[in-house]
Amino acid sequence: TYFSNNVEVWVTTTSPFKGSPSSTFVV
């Protein structure tokens, strides 16, 4: 939840690489 926005984020933890196309939604 970001301000009034609902954001669904799909994340994999099976990859040795980390990253996100968004600087706000980071795992």
mmCIF file of all heavy atoms, coordinates in Angstrom:
data_MODEL
# 
_entry.id   MODEL 
# 
loop_
_atom_site.group_PDB 
_atom_site.id 
_atom_site.type_symbol 
_atom_site.label_atom_id 
_atom_site.label_alt_id 
_atom_site.label_comp_id 
_atom_site.label_asym_id 
_atom_site.label_entity_id 
_atom_site.label_seq_id 
_atom_site.pdbx_PDB_ins_code 
_atom_site.Cartn_x 
_atom_site.Cartn_y 
_atom_site.Cartn_z 
_atom_site.occupancy 
_atom_site.B_iso_or_equiv 
_atom_site.pdbx_formal_charge 
_atom_site.auth_seq_id 
_atom_site.auth_comp_id 
_atom_site.auth_asym_id 
_atom_site.auth_atom_id 
_atom_site.pdbx_PDB_model_num 
ATOM 1   N N   . THR A 1 1  ? 0.866  -1.176  0.000   1.00 0.00 ? 1  THR A N   1 
ATOM 2   C CA  . THR A 1 1  ? 0.000  0.000   0.000   1.00 0.00 ? 1  THR A CA  1 
ATOM 3   C C   . THR A 1 1  ? 0.901  1.224   0.000   1.00 0.00 ? 1  THR A C   1 
ATOM 4   O O   . THR A 1 1  ? 1.737  1.388   0.893   1.00 0.00 ? 1  THR A O   1 
ATOM 5   C CB  . THR A 1 1  ? -0.925 0.030   1.223   1.00 0.00 ? 1  THR A CB  1 
ATOM 6   O OG1 . THR A 1 1  ? -1.746 -1.140  1.209   1.00 0.00 ? 1  THR A OG1 1 
ATOM 7   C CG2 . THR A 1 1  ? -1.824 1.263   1.176   1.00 0.00 ? 1  THR A CG2 1 
ATOM 8   N N   . TYR A 1 2  ? 0.739  2.065   -1.025  1.00 0.00 ? 2  TYR A N   1 
ATOM 9   C CA  . TYR A 1 2  ? 1.593  3.232   -1.166  1.00 0.00 ? 2  TYR A CA  1 
ATOM 10  C C   . TYR A 1 2  ? 0.709  4.448   -1.362  1.00 0.00 ? 2  TYR A C   1 
ATOM 11  O O   . TYR A 1 2  ? 0.095  4.613   -2.406  1.00 0.00 ? 2  TYR A O   1 
ATOM 12  C CB  . TYR A 1 2  ? 2.545  3.043   -2.344  1.00 0.00 ? 2  TYR A CB  1 
ATOM 13  C CG  . TYR A 1 2  ? 3.567  4.135   -2.498  1.00 0.00 ? 2  TYR A CG  1 
ATOM 14  C CD1 . TYR A 1 2  ? 4.476  4.419   -1.482  1.00 0.00 ? 2  TYR A CD1 1 
ATOM 15  C CD2 . TYR A 1 2  ? 3.638  4.878   -3.674  1.00 0.00 ? 2  TYR A CD2 1 
ATOM 16  C CE1 . TYR A 1 2  ? 5.425  5.410   -1.631  1.00 0.00 ? 2  TYR A CE1 1 
ATOM 17  C CE2 . TYR A 1 2  ? 4.583  5.872   -3.828  1.00 0.00 ? 2  TYR A CE2 1 
ATOM 18  C CZ  . TYR A 1 2  ? 5.474  6.137   -2.805  1.00 0.00 ? 2  TYR A CZ  1 
ATOM 19  O OH  . TYR A 1 2  ? 6.411  7.127   -2.952  1.00 0.00 ? 2  TYR A OH  1 
ATOM 20  N N   . PHE A 1 3  ? 0.624  5.293   -0.326  1.00 0.00 ? 3  PHE A N   1 
ATOM 21  C CA  . PHE A 1 3  ? -0.354 6.374   -0.274  1.00 0.00 ? 3  PHE A CA  1 
ATOM 22  C C   . PHE A 1 3  ? -1.745 5.757   -0.492  1.00 0.00 ? 3  PHE A C   1 
ATOM 23  O O   . PHE A 1 3  ? -2.157 4.900   0.264   1.00 0.00 ? 3  PHE A O   1 
ATOM 24  C CB  . PHE A 1 3  ? -0.010 7.468   -1.291  1.00 0.00 ? 3  PHE A CB  1 
ATOM 25  C CG  . PHE A 1 3  ? 1.256  8.198   -0.945  1.00 0.00 ? 3  PHE A CG  1 
ATOM 26  C CD1 . PHE A 1 3  ? 2.432  7.953   -1.640  1.00 0.00 ? 3  PHE A CD1 1 
ATOM 27  C CD2 . PHE A 1 3  ? 1.291  9.111   0.087   1.00 0.00 ? 3  PHE A CD2 1 
ATOM 28  C CE1 . PHE A 1 3  ? 3.606  8.623   -1.314  1.00 0.00 ? 3  PHE A CE1 1 
ATOM 29  C CE2 . PHE A 1 3  ? 2.458  9.795   0.425   1.00 0.00 ? 3  PHE A CE2 1 
ATOM 30  C CZ  . PHE A 1 3  ? 3.614  9.539   -0.276  1.00 0.00 ? 3  PHE A CZ  1 
ATOM 31  N N   . SER A 1 4  ? -2.463 6.135   -1.534  1.00 0.00 ? 4  SER A N   1 
ATOM 32  C CA  . SER A 1 4  ? -3.798 5.563   -1.759  1.00 0.00 ? 4  SER A CA  1 
ATOM 33  C C   . SER A 1 4  ? -3.769 4.470   -2.815  1.00 0.00 ? 4  SER A C   1 
ATOM 34  O O   . SER A 1 4  ? -4.829 4.036   -3.303  1.00 0.00 ? 4  SER A O   1 
ATOM 35  C CB  . SER A 1 4  ? -4.773 6.668   -2.185  1.00 0.00 ? 4  SER A CB  1 
ATOM 36  O OG  . SER A 1 4  ? -4.323 7.297   -3.375  1.00 0.00 ? 4  SER A OG  1 
ATOM 37  N N   . ASN A 1 5  ? -2.589 4.001   -3.171  1.00 0.00 ? 5  ASN A N   1 
ATOM 38  C CA  . ASN A 1 5  ? -2.449 3.001   -4.230  1.00 0.00 ? 5  ASN A CA  1 
ATOM 39  C C   . ASN A 1 5  ? -2.269 1.597   -3.669  1.00 0.00 ? 5  ASN A C   1 
ATOM 40  O O   . ASN A 1 5  ? -1.527 1.399   -2.707  1.00 0.00 ? 5  ASN A O   1 
ATOM 41  C CB  . ASN A 1 5  ? -1.250 3.336   -5.128  1.00 0.00 ? 5  ASN A CB  1 
ATOM 42  C CG  . ASN A 1 5  ? -1.397 4.673   -5.809  1.00 0.00 ? 5  ASN A CG  1 
ATOM 43  O OD1 . ASN A 1 5  ? -2.311 4.888   -6.600  1.00 0.00 ? 5  ASN A OD1 1 
ATOM 44  N ND2 . ASN A 1 5  ? -0.498 5.597   -5.502  1.00 0.00 ? 5  ASN A ND2 1 
ATOM 45  N N   . ASN A 1 6  ? -2.956 0.646   -4.283  1.00 0.00 ? 6  ASN A N   1 
ATOM 46  C CA  . ASN A 1 6  ? -2.767 -0.768  -3.973  1.00 0.00 ? 6  ASN A CA  1 
ATOM 47  C C   . ASN A 1 6  ? -1.892 -1.387  -5.057  1.00 0.00 ? 6  ASN A C   1 
ATOM 48  O O   . ASN A 1 6  ? -2.222 -1.322  -6.249  1.00 0.00 ? 6  ASN A O   1 
ATOM 49  C CB  . ASN A 1 6  ? -4.117 -1.487  -3.914  1.00 0.00 ? 6  ASN A CB  1 
ATOM 50  C CG  . ASN A 1 6  ? -4.981 -0.978  -2.780  1.00 0.00 ? 6  ASN A CG  1 
ATOM 51  O OD1 . ASN A 1 6  ? -4.505 -0.781  -1.662  1.00 0.00 ? 6  ASN A OD1 1 
ATOM 52  N ND2 . ASN A 1 6  ? -6.261 -0.760  -3.044  1.00 0.00 ? 6  ASN A ND2 1 
ATOM 53  N N   . VAL A 1 7  ? -0.790 -1.966  -4.640  1.00 0.00 ? 7  VAL A N   1 
ATOM 54  C CA  . VAL A 1 7  ? 0.186  -2.480  -5.595  1.00 0.00 ? 7  VAL A CA  1 
ATOM 55  C C   . VAL A 1 7  ? 0.434  -3.962  -5.335  1.00 0.00 ? 7  VAL A C   1 
ATOM 56  O O   . VAL A 1 7  ? 0.783  -4.360  -4.221  1.00 0.00 ? 7  VAL A O   1 
ATOM 57  C CB  . VAL A 1 7  ? 1.515  -1.703  -5.505  1.00 0.00 ? 7  VAL A CB  1 
ATOM 58  C CG1 . VAL A 1 7  ? 2.482  -2.170  -6.583  1.00 0.00 ? 7  VAL A CG1 1 
ATOM 59  C CG2 . VAL A 1 7  ? 1.261  -0.199  -5.616  1.00 0.00 ? 7  VAL A CG2 1 
ATOM 60  N N   . GLU A 1 8  ? 0.234  -4.773  -6.369  1.00 0.00 ? 8  GLU A N   1 
ATOM 61  C CA  . GLU A 1 8  ? 0.499  -6.204  -6.304  1.00 0.00 ? 8  GLU A CA  1 
ATOM 62  C C   . GLU A 1 8  ? 1.847  -6.470  -6.966  1.00 0.00 ? 8  GLU A C   1 
ATOM 63  O O   . GLU A 1 8  ? 2.052  -6.110  -8.130  1.00 0.00 ? 8  GLU A O   1 
ATOM 64  C CB  . GLU A 1 8  ? -0.599 -6.988  -7.023  1.00 0.00 ? 8  GLU A CB  1 
ATOM 65  C CG  . GLU A 1 8  ? -1.991 -6.756  -6.446  1.00 0.00 ? 8  GLU A CG  1 
ATOM 66  C CD  . GLU A 1 8  ? -3.077 -7.354  -7.327  1.00 0.00 ? 8  GLU A CD  1 
ATOM 67  O OE1 . GLU A 1 8  ? -2.779 -7.751  -8.464  1.00 0.00 ? 8  GLU A OE1 1 
ATOM 68  O OE2 . GLU A 1 8  ? -4.229 -7.420  -6.864  1.00 0.00 ? 8  GLU A OE2 1 
ATOM 69  N N   . VAL A 1 9  ? 2.762  -7.071  -6.220  1.00 0.00 ? 9  VAL A N   1 
ATOM 70  C CA  . VAL A 1 9  ? 4.125  -7.269  -6.712  1.00 0.00 ? 9  VAL A CA  1 
ATOM 71  C C   . VAL A 1 9  ? 4.456  -8.757  -6.706  1.00 0.00 ? 9  VAL A C   1 
ATOM 72  O O   . VAL A 1 9  ? 4.268  -9.438  -5.700  1.00 0.00 ? 9  VAL A O   1 
ATOM 73  C CB  . VAL A 1 9  ? 5.136  -6.491  -5.836  1.00 0.00 ? 9  VAL A CB  1 
ATOM 74  C CG1 . VAL A 1 9  ? 6.555  -6.708  -6.335  1.00 0.00 ? 9  VAL A CG1 1 
ATOM 75  C CG2 . VAL A 1 9  ? 4.800  -4.999  -5.830  1.00 0.00 ? 9  VAL A CG2 1 
ATOM 76  N N   . TRP A 1 10 ? 4.963  -9.237  -7.855  1.00 0.00 ? 10 TRP A N   1 
ATOM 77  C CA  . TRP A 1 10 ? 5.311  -10.651 -7.986  1.00 0.00 ? 10 TRP A CA  1 
ATOM 78  C C   . TRP A 1 10 ? 6.826  -10.798 -7.889  1.00 0.00 ? 10 TRP A C   1 
ATOM 79  O O   . TRP A 1 10 ? 7.576  -10.216 -8.674  1.00 0.00 ? 10 TRP A O   1 
ATOM 80  C CB  . TRP A 1 10 ? 4.796  -11.204 -9.311  1.00 0.00 ? 10 TRP A CB  1 
ATOM 81  C CG  . TRP A 1 10 ? 3.299  -11.146 -9.386  1.00 0.00 ? 10 TRP A CG  1 
ATOM 82  C CD1 . TRP A 1 10 ? 2.538  -10.134 -9.868  1.00 0.00 ? 10 TRP A CD1 1 
ATOM 83  C CD2 . TRP A 1 10 ? 2.389  -12.137 -8.911  1.00 0.00 ? 10 TRP A CD2 1 
ATOM 84  N NE1 . TRP A 1 10 ? 1.203  -10.433 -9.735  1.00 0.00 ? 10 TRP A NE1 1 
ATOM 85  C CE2 . TRP A 1 10 ? 1.072  -11.656 -9.161  1.00 0.00 ? 10 TRP A CE2 1 
ATOM 86  C CE3 . TRP A 1 10 ? 2.538  -13.390 -8.318  1.00 0.00 ? 10 TRP A CE3 1 
ATOM 87  C CZ2 . TRP A 1 10 ? -0.064 -12.382 -8.823  1.00 0.00 ? 10 TRP A CZ2 1 
ATOM 88  C CZ3 . TRP A 1 10 ? 1.411  -14.120 -7.989  1.00 0.00 ? 10 TRP A CZ3 1 
ATOM 89  C CH2 . TRP A 1 10 ? 0.132  -13.613 -8.245  1.00 0.00 ? 10 TRP A CH2 1 
ATOM 90  N N   . VAL A 1 11 ? 7.259  -11.599 -6.915  1.00 0.00 ? 11 VAL A N   1 
ATOM 91  C CA  . VAL A 1 11 ? 8.674  -11.686 -6.551  1.00 0.00 ? 11 VAL A CA  1 
ATOM 92  C C   . VAL A 1 11 ? 9.140  -13.134 -6.585  1.00 0.00 ? 11 VAL A C   1 
ATOM 93  O O   . VAL A 1 11 ? 8.448  -14.033 -6.101  1.00 0.00 ? 11 VAL A O   1 
ATOM 94  C CB  . VAL A 1 11 ? 8.899  -11.119 -5.125  1.00 0.00 ? 11 VAL A CB  1 
ATOM 95  C CG1 . VAL A 1 11 ? 10.369 -11.195 -4.748  1.00 0.00 ? 11 VAL A CG1 1 
ATOM 96  C CG2 . VAL A 1 11 ? 8.391  -9.682  -5.028  1.00 0.00 ? 11 VAL A CG2 1 
ATOM 97  N N   . THR A 1 12 ? 10.324 -13.339 -7.152  1.00 0.00 ? 12 THR A N   1 
ATOM 98  C CA  . THR A 1 12 ? 10.951 -14.651 -7.065  1.00 0.00 ? 12 THR A CA  1 
ATOM 99  C C   . THR A 1 12 ? 12.162 -14.571 -6.147  1.00 0.00 ? 12 THR A C   1 
ATOM 100 O O   . THR A 1 12 ? 12.919 -13.605 -6.186  1.00 0.00 ? 12 THR A O   1 
ATOM 101 C CB  . THR A 1 12 ? 11.385 -15.186 -8.443  1.00 0.00 ? 12 THR A CB  1 
ATOM 102 O OG1 . THR A 1 12 ? 11.989 -16.476 -8.268  1.00 0.00 ? 12 THR A OG1 1 
ATOM 103 C CG2 . THR A 1 12 ? 12.390 -14.269 -9.117  1.00 0.00 ? 12 THR A CG2 1 
ATOM 104 N N   . THR A 1 13 ? 12.310 -15.570 -5.296  1.00 0.00 ? 13 THR A N   1 
ATOM 105 C CA  . THR A 1 13 ? 13.488 -15.676 -4.439  1.00 0.00 ? 13 THR A CA  1 
ATOM 106 C C   . THR A 1 13 ? 14.343 -16.873 -4.848  1.00 0.00 ? 13 THR A C   1 
ATOM 107 O O   . THR A 1 13 ? 15.285 -17.241 -4.147  1.00 0.00 ? 13 THR A O   1 
ATOM 108 C CB  . THR A 1 13 ? 13.076 -15.812 -2.958  1.00 0.00 ? 13 THR A CB  1 
ATOM 109 O OG1 . THR A 1 13 ? 12.204 -16.932 -2.817  1.00 0.00 ? 13 THR A OG1 1 
ATOM 110 C CG2 . THR A 1 13 ? 12.379 -14.547 -2.478  1.00 0.00 ? 13 THR A CG2 1 
ATOM 111 N N   . THR A 1 14 ? 14.012 -17.481 -5.987  1.00 0.00 ? 14 THR A N   1 
ATOM 112 C CA  . THR A 1 14 ? 14.757 -18.646 -6.477  1.00 0.00 ? 14 THR A CA  1 
ATOM 113 C C   . THR A 1 14 ? 15.906 -18.235 -7.393  1.00 0.00 ? 14 THR A C   1 
ATOM 114 O O   . THR A 1 14 ? 16.719 -19.070 -7.769  1.00 0.00 ? 14 THR A O   1 
ATOM 115 C CB  . THR A 1 14 ? 13.824 -19.604 -7.234  1.00 0.00 ? 14 THR A CB  1 
ATOM 116 O OG1 . THR A 1 14 ? 13.263 -18.928 -8.374  1.00 0.00 ? 14 THR A OG1 1 
ATOM 117 C CG2 . THR A 1 14 ? 12.693 -20.088 -6.343  1.00 0.00 ? 14 THR A CG2 1 
ATOM 118 N N   . SER A 1 15 ? 15.969 -16.963 -7.751  1.00 0.00 ? 15 SER A N   1 
ATOM 119 C CA  . SER A 1 15 ? 17.044 -16.474 -8.608  1.00 0.00 ? 15 SER A CA  1 
ATOM 120 C C   . SER A 1 15 ? 18.192 -15.950 -7.755  1.00 0.00 ? 15 SER A C   1 
ATOM 121 O O   . SER A 1 15 ? 17.965 -15.329 -6.718  1.00 0.00 ? 15 SER A O   1 
ATOM 122 C CB  . SER A 1 15 ? 16.519 -15.350 -9.507  1.00 0.00 ? 15 SER A CB  1 
ATOM 123 O OG  . SER A 1 15 ? 17.590 -14.652 -10.109 1.00 0.00 ? 15 SER A OG  1 
ATOM 124 N N   . PRO A 1 16 ? 19.449 -16.161 -8.185  1.00 0.00 ? 16 PRO A N   1 
ATOM 125 C CA  . PRO A 1 16 ? 20.581 -15.579 -7.455  1.00 0.00 ? 16 PRO A CA  1 
ATOM 126 C C   . PRO A 1 16 ? 20.711 -14.079 -7.685  1.00 0.00 ? 16 PRO A C   1 
ATOM 127 O O   . PRO A 1 16 ? 21.507 -13.417 -7.033  1.00 0.00 ? 16 PRO A O   1 
ATOM 128 C CB  . PRO A 1 16 ? 21.789 -16.322 -8.026  1.00 0.00 ? 16 PRO A CB  1 
ATOM 129 C CG  . PRO A 1 16 ? 21.370 -16.701 -9.406  1.00 0.00 ? 16 PRO A CG  1 
ATOM 130 C CD  . PRO A 1 16 ? 19.905 -17.008 -9.311  1.00 0.00 ? 16 PRO A CD  1 
ATOM 131 N N   . PHE A 1 17 ? 19.915 -13.555 -8.606  1.00 0.00 ? 17 PHE A N   1 
ATOM 132 C CA  . PHE A 1 17 ? 19.971 -12.137 -8.928  1.00 0.00 ? 17 PHE A CA  1 
ATOM 133 C C   . PHE A 1 17 ? 18.829 -11.394 -8.250  1.00 0.00 ? 17 PHE A C   1 
ATOM 134 O O   . PHE A 1 17 ? 17.727 -11.902 -8.132  1.00 0.00 ? 17 PHE A O   1 
ATOM 135 C CB  . PHE A 1 17 ? 19.902 -11.944 -10.441 1.00 0.00 ? 17 PHE A CB  1 
ATOM 136 C CG  . PHE A 1 17 ? 20.932 -12.748 -11.176 1.00 0.00 ? 17 PHE A CG  1 
ATOM 137 C CD1 . PHE A 1 17 ? 20.611 -13.974 -11.730 1.00 0.00 ? 17 PHE A CD1 1 
ATOM 138 C CD2 . PHE A 1 17 ? 22.226 -12.293 -11.270 1.00 0.00 ? 17 PHE A CD2 1 
ATOM 139 C CE1 . PHE A 1 17 ? 21.562 -14.731 -12.378 1.00 0.00 ? 17 PHE A CE1 1 
ATOM 140 C CE2 . PHE A 1 17 ? 23.193 -13.034 -11.921 1.00 0.00 ? 17 PHE A CE2 1 
ATOM 141 C CZ  . PHE A 1 17 ? 22.874 -14.264 -12.480 1.00 0.00 ? 17 PHE A CZ  1 
ATOM 142 N N   . LYS A 1 18 ? 19.121 -10.180 -7.809  1.00 0.00 ? 18 LYS A N   1 
ATOM 143 C CA  . LYS A 1 18 ? 18.130 -9.368  -7.120  1.00 0.00 ? 18 LYS A CA  1 
ATOM 144 C C   . LYS A 1 18 ? 17.906 -8.077  -7.894  1.00 0.00 ? 18 LYS A C   1 
ATOM 145 O O   . LYS A 1 18 ? 18.811 -7.572  -8.557  1.00 0.00 ? 18 LYS A O   1 
ATOM 146 C CB  . LYS A 1 18 ? 18.597 -9.041  -5.699  1.00 0.00 ? 18 LYS A CB  1 
ATOM 147 C CG  . LYS A 1 18 ? 18.897 -10.253 -4.847  1.00 0.00 ? 18 LYS A CG  1 
ATOM 148 C CD  . LYS A 1 18 ? 19.542 -9.857  -3.526  1.00 0.00 ? 18 LYS A CD  1 
ATOM 149 C CE  . LYS A 1 18 ? 19.977 -11.074 -2.730  1.00 0.00 ? 18 LYS A CE  1 
ATOM 150 N NZ  . LYS A 1 18 ? 20.681 -10.698 -1.480  1.00 0.00 ? 18 LYS A NZ  1 
ATOM 151 N N   . GLY A 1 19 ? 16.693 -7.553  -7.801  1.00 0.00 ? 19 GLY A N   1 
ATOM 152 C CA  . GLY A 1 19 ? 16.429 -6.304  -8.485  1.00 0.00 ? 19 GLY A CA  1 
ATOM 153 C C   . GLY A 1 19 ? 14.949 -6.002  -8.537  1.00 0.00 ? 19 GLY A C   1 
ATOM 154 O O   . GLY A 1 19 ? 14.108 -6.830  -8.157  1.00 0.00 ? 19 GLY A O   1 
ATOM 155 N N   . SER A 1 20 ? 14.636 -4.796  -9.019  1.00 0.00 ? 20 SER A N   1 
ATOM 156 C CA  . SER A 1 20 ? 13.255 -4.372  -9.170  1.00 0.00 ? 20 SER A CA  1 
ATOM 157 C C   . SER A 1 20 ? 13.206 -3.265  -10.211 1.00 0.00 ? 20 SER A C   1 
ATOM 158 O O   . SER A 1 20 ? 14.101 -2.410  -10.242 1.00 0.00 ? 20 SER A O   1 
ATOM 159 C CB  . SER A 1 20 ? 12.691 -3.868  -7.839  1.00 0.00 ? 20 SER A CB  1 
ATOM 160 O OG  . SER A 1 20 ? 11.396 -3.307  -8.036  1.00 0.00 ? 20 SER A OG  1 
ATOM 161 N N   . PRO A 1 21 ? 12.171 -3.239  -11.057 1.00 0.00 ? 21 PRO A N   1 
ATOM 162 C CA  . PRO A 1 21 ? 12.024 -2.128  -11.998 1.00 0.00 ? 21 PRO A CA  1 
ATOM 163 C C   . PRO A 1 21 ? 11.521 -0.868  -11.315 1.00 0.00 ? 21 PRO A C   1 
ATOM 164 O O   . PRO A 1 21 ? 11.432 0.188   -11.931 1.00 0.00 ? 21 PRO A O   1 
ATOM 165 C CB  . PRO A 1 21 ? 10.989 -2.664  -12.998 1.00 0.00 ? 21 PRO A CB  1 
ATOM 166 C CG  . PRO A 1 21 ? 10.154 -3.597  -12.188 1.00 0.00 ? 21 PRO A CG  1 
ATOM 167 C CD  . PRO A 1 21 ? 11.112 -4.247  -11.224 1.00 0.00 ? 21 PRO A CD  1 
ATOM 168 N N   . SER A 1 22 ? 11.201 -0.976  -10.035 1.00 0.00 ? 22 SER A N   1 
ATOM 169 C CA  . SER A 1 22 ? 10.730 0.161   -9.252  1.00 0.00 ? 22 SER A CA  1 
ATOM 170 C C   . SER A 1 22 ? 11.659 0.395   -8.068  1.00 0.00 ? 22 SER A C   1 
ATOM 171 O O   . SER A 1 22 ? 12.061 -0.550  -7.389  1.00 0.00 ? 22 SER A O   1 
ATOM 172 C CB  . SER A 1 22 ? 9.309  -0.092  -8.735  1.00 0.00 ? 22 SER A CB  1 
ATOM 173 O OG  . SER A 1 22 ? 8.948  0.847   -7.744  1.00 0.00 ? 22 SER A OG  1 
ATOM 174 N N   . SER A 1 23 ? 11.989 1.652   -7.808  1.00 0.00 ? 23 SER A N   1 
ATOM 175 C CA  . SER A 1 23 ? 12.828 1.969   -6.656  1.00 0.00 ? 23 SER A CA  1 
ATOM 176 C C   . SER A 1 23 ? 12.012 2.052   -5.372  1.00 0.00 ? 23 SER A C   1 
ATOM 177 O O   . SER A 1 23 ? 12.571 2.206   -4.284  1.00 0.00 ? 23 SER A O   1 
ATOM 178 C CB  . SER A 1 23 ? 13.542 3.306   -6.885  1.00 0.00 ? 23 SER A CB  1 
ATOM 179 O OG  . SER A 1 23 ? 12.597 4.353   -7.056  1.00 0.00 ? 23 SER A OG  1 
ATOM 180 N N   . THR A 1 24 ? 10.700 1.936   -5.485  1.00 0.00 ? 24 THR A N   1 
ATOM 181 C CA  . THR A 1 24 ? 9.806  2.017   -4.324  1.00 0.00 ? 24 THR A CA  1 
ATOM 182 C C   . THR A 1 24 ? 9.438  0.642   -3.791  1.00 0.00 ? 24 THR A C   1 
ATOM 183 O O   . THR A 1 24 ? 9.385  0.428   -2.582  1.00 0.00 ? 24 THR A O   1 
ATOM 184 C CB  . THR A 1 24 ? 8.516  2.781   -4.692  1.00 0.00 ? 24 THR A CB  1 
ATOM 185 O OG1 . THR A 1 24 ? 8.861  4.075   -5.179  1.00 0.00 ? 24 THR A OG1 1 
ATOM 186 C CG2 . THR A 1 24 ? 7.600  2.920   -3.489  1.00 0.00 ? 24 THR A CG2 1 
ATOM 187 N N   . PHE A 1 25 ? 9.210  -0.304  -4.696  1.00 0.00 ? 25 PHE A N   1 
ATOM 188 C CA  . PHE A 1 25 ? 8.765  -1.645  -4.303  1.00 0.00 ? 25 PHE A CA  1 
ATOM 189 C C   . PHE A 1 25 ? 9.943  -2.609  -4.424  1.00 0.00 ? 25 PHE A C   1 
ATOM 190 O O   . PHE A 1 25 ? 10.183 -3.214  -5.466  1.00 0.00 ? 25 PHE A O   1 
ATOM 191 C CB  . PHE A 1 25 ? 7.575  -2.075  -5.151  1.00 0.00 ? 25 PHE A CB  1 
ATOM 192 C CG  . PHE A 1 25 ? 6.500  -1.020  -5.205  1.00 0.00 ? 25 PHE A CG  1 
ATOM 193 C CD1 . PHE A 1 25 ? 6.176  -0.393  -6.397  1.00 0.00 ? 25 PHE A CD1 1 
ATOM 194 C CD2 . PHE A 1 25 ? 5.844  -0.624  -4.049  1.00 0.00 ? 25 PHE A CD2 1 
ATOM 195 C CE1 . PHE A 1 25 ? 5.199  0.598   -6.439  1.00 0.00 ? 25 PHE A CE1 1 
ATOM 196 C CE2 . PHE A 1 25 ? 4.874  0.368   -4.085  1.00 0.00 ? 25 PHE A CE2 1 
ATOM 197 C CZ  . PHE A 1 25 ? 4.560  0.982   -5.281  1.00 0.00 ? 25 PHE A CZ  1 
ATOM 198 N N   . VAL A 1 26 ? 10.675 -2.705  -3.324  1.00 0.00 ? 26 VAL A N   1 
ATOM 199 C CA  . VAL A 1 26 ? 11.901 -3.494  -3.277  1.00 0.00 ? 26 VAL A CA  1 
ATOM 200 C C   . VAL A 1 26 ? 11.761 -4.570  -2.211  1.00 0.00 ? 26 VAL A C   1 
ATOM 201 O O   . VAL A 1 26 ? 11.337 -4.291  -1.092  1.00 0.00 ? 26 VAL A O   1 
ATOM 202 C CB  . VAL A 1 26 ? 13.115 -2.593  -2.966  1.00 0.00 ? 26 VAL A CB  1 
ATOM 203 C CG1 . VAL A 1 26 ? 14.379 -3.426  -2.808  1.00 0.00 ? 26 VAL A CG1 1 
ATOM 204 C CG2 . VAL A 1 26 ? 13.297 -1.530  -4.054  1.00 0.00 ? 26 VAL A CG2 1 
ATOM 205 N N   . VAL A 1 27 ? 12.123 -5.800  -2.561  1.00 0.00 ? 27 VAL A N   1 
ATOM 206 C CA  . VAL A 1 27 ? 12.131 -6.909  -1.609  1.00 0.00 ? 27 VAL A CA  1 
ATOM 207 C C   . VAL A 1 27 ? 13.594 -7.305  -1.390  1.00 0.00 ? 27 VAL A C   1 
ATOM 208 O O   . VAL A 1 27 ? 14.290 -7.651  -2.353  1.00 0.00 ? 27 VAL A O   1 
ATOM 209 C CB  . VAL A 1 27 ? 11.305 -8.096  -2.144  1.00 0.00 ? 27 VAL A CB  1 
ATOM 210 C CG1 . VAL A 1 27 ? 11.409 -9.293  -1.194  1.00 0.00 ? 27 VAL A CG1 1 
ATOM 211 C CG2 . VAL A 1 27 ? 9.854  -7.684  -2.330  1.00 0.00 ? 27 VAL A CG2 1 
# 
